[in-house]
Amino acid sequence: MKGTAVIRHLVEKALHFKRLTPDIENEINYELTRQGYISDVDYEALELLMDEMDAGRIQLVPSL
């Protein structure tokens, strides 16, 4: 699976569960680091995630 598909899948997962868990956040950060850049598609997906978090529709779940 391409890196872009992985990041989009992770964002979709967070949107579906309405939660950004530390595991999802770590996987997103890993993919961004591995790729070394952010594509327009990845940026738009992450921007949507941040907008949803800012609006209070996605909850940031702290690690246990």
PDB file of N, CA and C in Angstrom:
ATOM      1  N   MET A   1       0.843  -1.178   0.000  1.00  0.00           N
ATOM      2  CA  MET A   1       0.000   0.000   0.000  1.00  0.00           C
ATOM      3  C   MET A   1       0.882   1.233   0.000  1.00  0.00           C
ATOM      4  N   LYS A   2       0.547   2.202  -0.817  1.00  0.00           N
ATOM      5  CA  LYS A   2       1.344   3.420  -0.892  1.00  0.00           C
ATOM      6  C   LYS A   2       1.182   4.224   0.385  1.00  0.00           C
ATOM      7  N   GLY A   3       2.196   5.044   0.693  1.00  0.00           N
ATOM      8  CA  GLY A   3       2.171   5.859   1.895  1.00  0.00           C
ATOM      9  C   GLY A   3       0.953   6.746   1.988  1.00  0.00           C
ATOM     10  N   THR A   4       0.569   7.340   0.870  1.00  0.00           N
ATOM     11  CA  THR A   4      -0.608   8.207   0.863  1.00  0.00           C
ATOM     12  C   THR A   4      -1.849   7.425   1.268  1.00  0.00           C
ATOM     13  N   ALA A   5      -1.986   6.234   0.761  1.00  0.00           N
ATOM     14  CA  ALA A   5      -3.141   5.416   1.105  1.00  0.00           C
ATOM     15  C   ALA A   5      -3.127   5.073   2.589  1.00  0.00           C
ATOM     16  N   VAL A   6      -1.968   4.864   3.162  1.00  0.00           N
ATOM     17  CA  VAL A   6      -1.858   4.536   4.588  1.00  0.00           C
ATOM     18  C   VAL A   6      -2.302   5.727   5.427  1.00  0.00           C
ATOM     19  N   ILE A   7      -1.825   6.914   5.122  1.00  0.00           N
ATOM     20  CA  ILE A   7      -2.189   8.101   5.892  1.00  0.00           C
ATOM     21  C   ILE A   7      -3.684   8.384   5.745  1.00  0.00           C
ATOM     22  N   ARG A   8      -4.192   8.320   4.543  1.00  0.00           N
ATOM     23  CA  ARG A   8      -5.630   8.539   4.342  1.00  0.00           C
ATOM     24  C   ARG A   8      -6.447   7.509   5.100  1.00  0.00           C
ATOM     25  N   HIS A   9      -5.997   6.258   5.095  1.00  0.00           N
ATOM     26  CA  HIS A   9      -6.695   5.199   5.824  1.00  0.00           C
ATOM     27  C   HIS A   9      -6.696   5.495   7.324  1.00  0.00           C
ATOM     28  N   LEU A  10      -5.574   5.960   7.845  1.00  0.00           N
ATOM     29  CA  LEU A  10      -5.494   6.285   9.266  1.00  0.00           C
ATOM     30  C   LEU A  10      -6.409   7.446   9.631  1.00  0.00           C
ATOM     31  N   VAL A  11      -6.456   8.452   8.767  1.00  0.00           N
ATOM     32  CA  VAL A  11      -7.359   9.588   9.006  1.00  0.00           C
ATOM     33  C   VAL A  11      -8.807   9.104   8.952  1.00  0.00           C
ATOM     34  N   GLU A  12      -9.136   8.262   7.976  1.00  0.00           N
ATOM     35  CA  GLU A  12     -10.493   7.720   7.890  1.00  0.00           C
ATOM     36  C   GLU A  12     -10.848   6.937   9.155  1.00  0.00           C
ATOM     37  N   LYS A  13      -9.898   6.198   9.674  1.00  0.00           N
ATOM     38  CA  LYS A  13     -10.104   5.423  10.899  1.00  0.00           C
ATOM     39  C   LYS A  13     -10.430   6.361  12.068  1.00  0.00           C
ATOM     40  N   ALA A  14      -9.674   7.432  12.210  1.00  0.00           N
ATOM     41  CA  ALA A  14      -9.917   8.406  13.280  1.00  0.00           C
ATOM     42  C   ALA A  14     -11.283   9.064  13.100  1.00  0.00           C
ATOM     43  N   LEU A  15     -11.639   9.400  11.862  1.00  0.00           N
ATOM     44  CA  LEU A  15     -12.936  10.023  11.602  1.00  0.00           C
ATOM     45  C   LEU A  15     -14.075   9.052  11.894  1.00  0.00           C
ATOM     46  N   HIS A  16     -13.894   7.809  11.539  1.00  0.00           N
ATOM     47  CA  HIS A  16     -14.933   6.798  11.767  1.00  0.00           C
ATOM     48  C   HIS A  16     -15.200   6.609  13.262  1.00  0.00           C
ATOM     49  N   PHE A  17     -14.134   6.477  14.042  1.00  0.00           N
ATOM     50  CA  PHE A  17     -14.288   6.248  15.475  1.00  0.00           C
ATOM     51  C   PHE A  17     -14.473   7.539  16.267  1.00  0.00           C
ATOM     52  N   LYS A  18     -14.311   8.684  15.572  1.00  0.00           N
ATOM     53  CA  LYS A  18     -14.420  10.006  16.193  1.00  0.00           C
ATOM     54  C   LYS A  18     -13.421  10.176  17.335  1.00  0.00           C
ATOM     55  N   ARG A  19     -12.276   9.506  17.171  1.00  0.00           N
ATOM     56  CA  ARG A  19     -11.213   9.583  18.169  1.00  0.00           C
ATOM     57  C   ARG A  19      -9.854   9.491  17.487  1.00  0.00           C
ATOM     58  N   LEU A  20      -8.930  10.311  17.968  1.00  0.00           N
ATOM     59  CA  LEU A  20      -7.537  10.196  17.536  1.00  0.00           C
ATOM     60  C   LEU A  20      -6.782   9.584  18.699  1.00  0.00           C
ATOM     61  N   THR A  21      -6.439   8.325  18.552  1.00  0.00           N
ATOM     62  CA  THR A  21      -5.720   7.619  19.610  1.00  0.00           C
ATOM     63  C   THR A  21      -4.220   7.818  19.438  1.00  0.00           C
ATOM     64  N   PRO A  22      -3.461   7.587  20.504  1.00  0.00           N
ATOM     65  CA  PRO A  22      -2.000   7.673  20.371  1.00  0.00           C
ATOM     66  C   PRO A  22      -1.456   6.726  19.304  1.00  0.00           C
ATOM     67  N   ASP A  23      -2.066   5.548  19.153  1.00  0.00           N
ATOM     68  CA  ASP A  23      -1.605   4.597  18.135  1.00  0.00           C
ATOM     69  C   ASP A  23      -1.788   5.163  16.728  1.00  0.00           C
ATOM     70  N   ILE A  24      -2.954   5.750  16.461  1.00  0.00           N
ATOM     71  CA  ILE A  24      -3.205   6.331  15.139  1.00  0.00           C
ATOM     72  C   ILE A  24      -2.263   7.509  14.906  1.00  0.00           C
ATOM     73  N   GLU A  25      -2.119   8.353  15.910  1.00  0.00           N
ATOM     74  CA  GLU A  25      -1.223   9.510  15.784  1.00  0.00           C
ATOM     75  C   GLU A  25       0.215   9.070  15.527  1.00  0.00           C
ATOM     76  N   ASN A  26       0.677   8.048  16.246  1.00  0.00           N
ATOM     77  CA  ASN A  26       2.041   7.543  16.051  1.00  0.00           C
ATOM     78  C   ASN A  26       2.227   6.948  14.656  1.00  0.00           C
ATOM     79  N   GLU A  27       1.220   6.242  14.155  1.00  0.00           N
ATOM     80  CA  GLU A  27       1.310   5.665  12.816  1.00  0.00           C
ATOM     81  C   GLU A  27       1.361   6.763  11.750  1.00  0.00           C
ATOM     82  N   ILE A  28       0.552   7.809  11.938  1.00  0.00           N
ATOM     83  CA  ILE A  28       0.582   8.940  10.997  1.00  0.00           C
ATOM     84  C   ILE A  28       1.960   9.584  11.016  1.00  0.00           C
ATOM     85  N   ASN A  29       2.487   9.851  12.200  1.00  0.00           N
ATOM     86  CA  ASN A  29       3.818  10.463  12.318  1.00  0.00           C
ATOM     87  C   ASN A  29       4.896   9.580  11.702  1.00  0.00           C
ATOM     88  N   TYR A  30       4.790   8.271  11.902  1.00  0.00           N
ATOM     89  CA  TYR A  30       5.759   7.345  11.319  1.00  0.00           C
ATOM     90  C   TYR A  30       5.734   7.437   9.795  1.00  0.00           C
ATOM     91  N   GLU A  31       4.542   7.430   9.213  1.00  0.00           N
ATOM     92  CA  GLU A  31       4.428   7.496   7.756  1.00  0.00           C
ATOM     93  C   GLU A  31       4.951   8.819   7.210  1.00  0.00           C
ATOM     94  N   LEU A  32       4.664   9.911   7.896  1.00  0.00           N
ATOM     95  CA  LEU A  32       5.175  11.214   7.457  1.00  0.00           C
ATOM     96  C   LEU A  32       6.698  11.245   7.505  1.00  0.00           C
ATOM     97  N   THR A  33       7.267  10.674   8.562  1.00  0.00           N
ATOM     98  CA  THR A  33       8.722  10.620   8.699  1.00  0.00           C
ATOM     99  C   THR A  33       9.334   9.708   7.633  1.00  0.00           C
ATOM    100  N   ARG A  34       8.700   8.566   7.416  1.00  0.00           N
ATOM    101  CA  ARG A  34       9.210   7.598   6.443  1.00  0.00           C
ATOM    102  C   ARG A  34       9.197   8.189   5.037  1.00  0.00           C
ATOM    103  N   GLN A  35       8.117   8.898   4.700  1.00  0.00           N
ATOM    104  CA  GLN A  35       8.006   9.474   3.366  1.00  0.00           C
ATOM    105  C   GLN A  35       8.940  10.667   3.188  1.00  0.00           C
ATOM    106  N   GLY A  36       9.140  11.436   4.239  1.00  0.00           N
ATOM    107  CA  GLY A  36      10.022  12.596   4.160  1.00  0.00           C
ATOM    108  C   GLY A  36       9.387  13.823   3.529  1.00  0.00           C
ATOM    109  N   TYR A  37       8.127  13.741   3.173  1.00  0.00           N
ATOM    110  CA  TYR A  37       7.405  14.879   2.594  1.00  0.00           C
ATOM    111  C   TYR A  37       5.920  14.622   2.807  1.00  0.00           C
ATOM    112  N   ILE A  38       5.111  15.623   2.488  1.00  0.00           N
ATOM    113  CA  ILE A  38       3.664  15.443   2.582  1.00  0.00           C
ATOM    114  C   ILE A  38       3.038  15.827   1.239  1.00  0.00           C
ATOM    115  N   SER A  39       2.292  14.902   0.692  1.00  0.00           N
ATOM    116  CA  SER A  39       1.640  15.161  -0.590  1.00  0.00           C
ATOM    117  C   SER A  39       0.410  16.040  -0.361  1.00  0.00           C
ATOM    118  N   ASP A  40      -0.125  16.584  -1.441  1.00  0.00           N
ATOM    119  CA  ASP A  40      -1.325  17.404  -1.344  1.00  0.00           C
ATOM    120  C   ASP A  40      -2.498  16.602  -0.778  1.00  0.00           C
ATOM    121  N   VAL A  41      -2.617  15.358  -1.190  1.00  0.00           N
ATOM    122  CA  VAL A  41      -3.708  14.496  -0.726  1.00  0.00           C
ATOM    123  C   VAL A  41      -3.572  14.233   0.772  1.00  0.00           C
ATOM    124  N   ASP A  42      -2.350  13.934   1.215  1.00  0.00           N
ATOM    125  CA  ASP A  42      -2.107  13.715   2.645  1.00  0.00           C
ATOM    126  C   ASP A  42      -2.411  14.982   3.439  1.00  0.00           C
ATOM    127  N   TYR A  43      -1.971  16.111   2.905  1.00  0.00           N
ATOM    128  CA  TYR A  43      -2.187  17.387   3.588  1.00  0.00           C
ATOM    129  C   TYR A  43      -3.679  17.663   3.746  1.00  0.00           C
ATOM    130  N   GLU A  44      -4.444  17.429   2.689  1.00  0.00           N
ATOM    131  CA  GLU A  44      -5.888  17.656   2.752  1.00  0.00           C
ATOM    132  C   GLU A  44      -6.559  16.729   3.767  1.00  0.00           C
ATOM    133  N   ALA A  45      -6.135  15.469   3.817  1.00  0.00           N
ATOM    134  CA  ALA A  45      -6.695  14.526   4.784  1.00  0.00           C
ATOM    135  C   ALA A  45      -6.378  14.965   6.207  1.00  0.00           C
ATOM    136  N   LEU A  46      -5.131  15.342   6.444  1.00  0.00           N
ATOM    137  CA  LEU A  46      -4.746  15.785   7.782  1.00  0.00           C
ATOM    138  C   LEU A  46      -5.409  17.103   8.154  1.00  0.00           C
ATOM    139  N   GLU A  47      -5.591  17.979   7.173  1.00  0.00           N
ATOM    140  CA  GLU A  47      -6.283  19.247   7.421  1.00  0.00           C
ATOM    141  C   GLU A  47      -7.740  18.983   7.825  1.00  0.00           C
ATOM    142  N   LEU A  48      -8.386  18.041   7.164  1.00  0.00           N
ATOM    143  CA  LEU A  48      -9.747  17.668   7.523  1.00  0.00           C
ATOM    144  C   LEU A  48      -9.789  17.130   8.954  1.00  0.00           C
ATOM    145  N   LEU A  49      -8.844  16.279   9.301  1.00  0.00           N
ATOM    146  CA  LEU A  49      -8.779  15.731  10.656  1.00  0.00           C
ATOM    147  C   LEU A  49      -8.622  16.854  11.683  1.00  0.00           C
ATOM    148  N   MET A  50      -7.747  17.790  11.418  1.00  0.00           N
ATOM    149  CA  MET A  50      -7.527  18.903  12.357  1.00  0.00           C
ATOM    150  C   MET A  50      -8.771  19.787  12.444  1.00  0.00           C
ATOM    151  N   ASP A  51      -9.443  20.037  11.326  1.00  0.00           N
ATOM    152  CA  ASP A  51     -10.679  20.828  11.342  1.00  0.00           C
ATOM    153  C   ASP A  51     -11.749  20.143  12.192  1.00  0.00           C
ATOM    154  N   GLU A  52     -11.860  18.837  12.042  1.00  0.00           N
ATOM    155  CA  GLU A  52     -12.834  18.078  12.830  1.00  0.00           C
ATOM    156  C   GLU A  52     -12.484  18.112  14.314  1.00  0.00           C
ATOM    157  N   MET A  53     -11.207  18.051  14.632  1.00  0.00           N
ATOM    158  CA  MET A  53     -10.783  18.139  16.033  1.00  0.00           C
ATOM    159  C   MET A  53     -11.071  19.527  16.586  1.00  0.00           C
ATOM    160  N   ASP A  54     -10.774  20.556  15.810  1.00  0.00           N
ATOM    161  CA  ASP A  54     -11.035  21.934  16.242  1.00  0.00           C
ATOM    162  C   ASP A  54     -12.525  22.169  16.483  1.00  0.00           C
ATOM    163  N   ALA A  55     -13.361  21.517  15.688  1.00  0.00           N
ATOM    164  CA  ALA A  55     -14.807  21.671  15.823  1.00  0.00           C
ATOM    165  C   ALA A  55     -15.372  20.813  16.955  1.00  0.00           C
ATOM    166  N   GLY A  56     -14.524  19.977  17.558  1.00  0.00           N
ATOM    167  CA  GLY A  56     -14.958  19.154  18.670  1.00  0.00           C
ATOM    168  C   GLY A  56     -15.641  17.857  18.260  1.00  0.00           C
ATOM    169  N   ARG A  57     -15.564  17.516  16.982  1.00  0.00           N
ATOM    170  CA  ARG A  57     -16.200  16.287  16.502  1.00  0.00           C
ATOM    171  C   ARG A  57     -15.279  15.068  16.587  1.00  0.00           C
ATOM    172  N   ILE A  58     -13.998  15.314  16.795  1.00  0.00           N
ATOM    173  CA  ILE A  58     -13.011  14.248  16.976  1.00  0.00           C
ATOM    174  C   ILE A  58     -12.337  14.485  18.320  1.00  0.00           C
ATOM    175  N   GLN A  59     -12.302  13.463  19.126  1.00  0.00           N
ATOM    176  CA  GLN A  59     -11.726  13.571  20.461  1.00  0.00           C
ATOM    177  C   GLN A  59     -10.287  13.039  20.445  1.00  0.00           C
ATOM    178  N   LEU A  60      -9.389  13.798  21.050  1.00  0.00           N
ATOM    179  CA  LEU A  60      -8.015  13.337  21.226  1.00  0.00           C
ATOM    180  C   LEU A  60      -7.976  12.485  22.482  1.00  0.00           C
ATOM    181  N   VAL A  61      -7.683  11.214  22.319  1.00  0.00           N
ATOM    182  CA  VAL A  61      -7.681  10.278  23.430  1.00  0.00           C
ATOM    183  C   VAL A  61      -6.259  10.166  23.963  1.00  0.00           C
ATOM    184  N   PRO A  62      -6.048  10.485  25.244  1.00  0.00           N
ATOM    185  CA  PRO A  62      -4.692  10.385  25.793  1.00  0.00           C
ATOM    186  C   PRO A  62      -4.280   8.915  25.973  1.00  0.00           C
ATOM    187  N   SER A  63      -2.972   8.704  26.015  1.00  0.00           N
ATOM    188  CA  SER A  63      -2.480   7.343  26.262  1.00  0.00           C
ATOM    189  C   SER A  63      -2.753   6.991  27.709  1.00  0.00           C
ATOM    190  N   LEU A  64      -2.878   5.714  27.945  1.00  0.00           N
ATOM    191  CA  LEU A  64      -3.215   5.244  29.307  1.00  0.00           C
ATOM    192  C   LEU A  64      -2.020   5.181  30.202  1.00  0.00           C
TER     193      LEU A  64
END
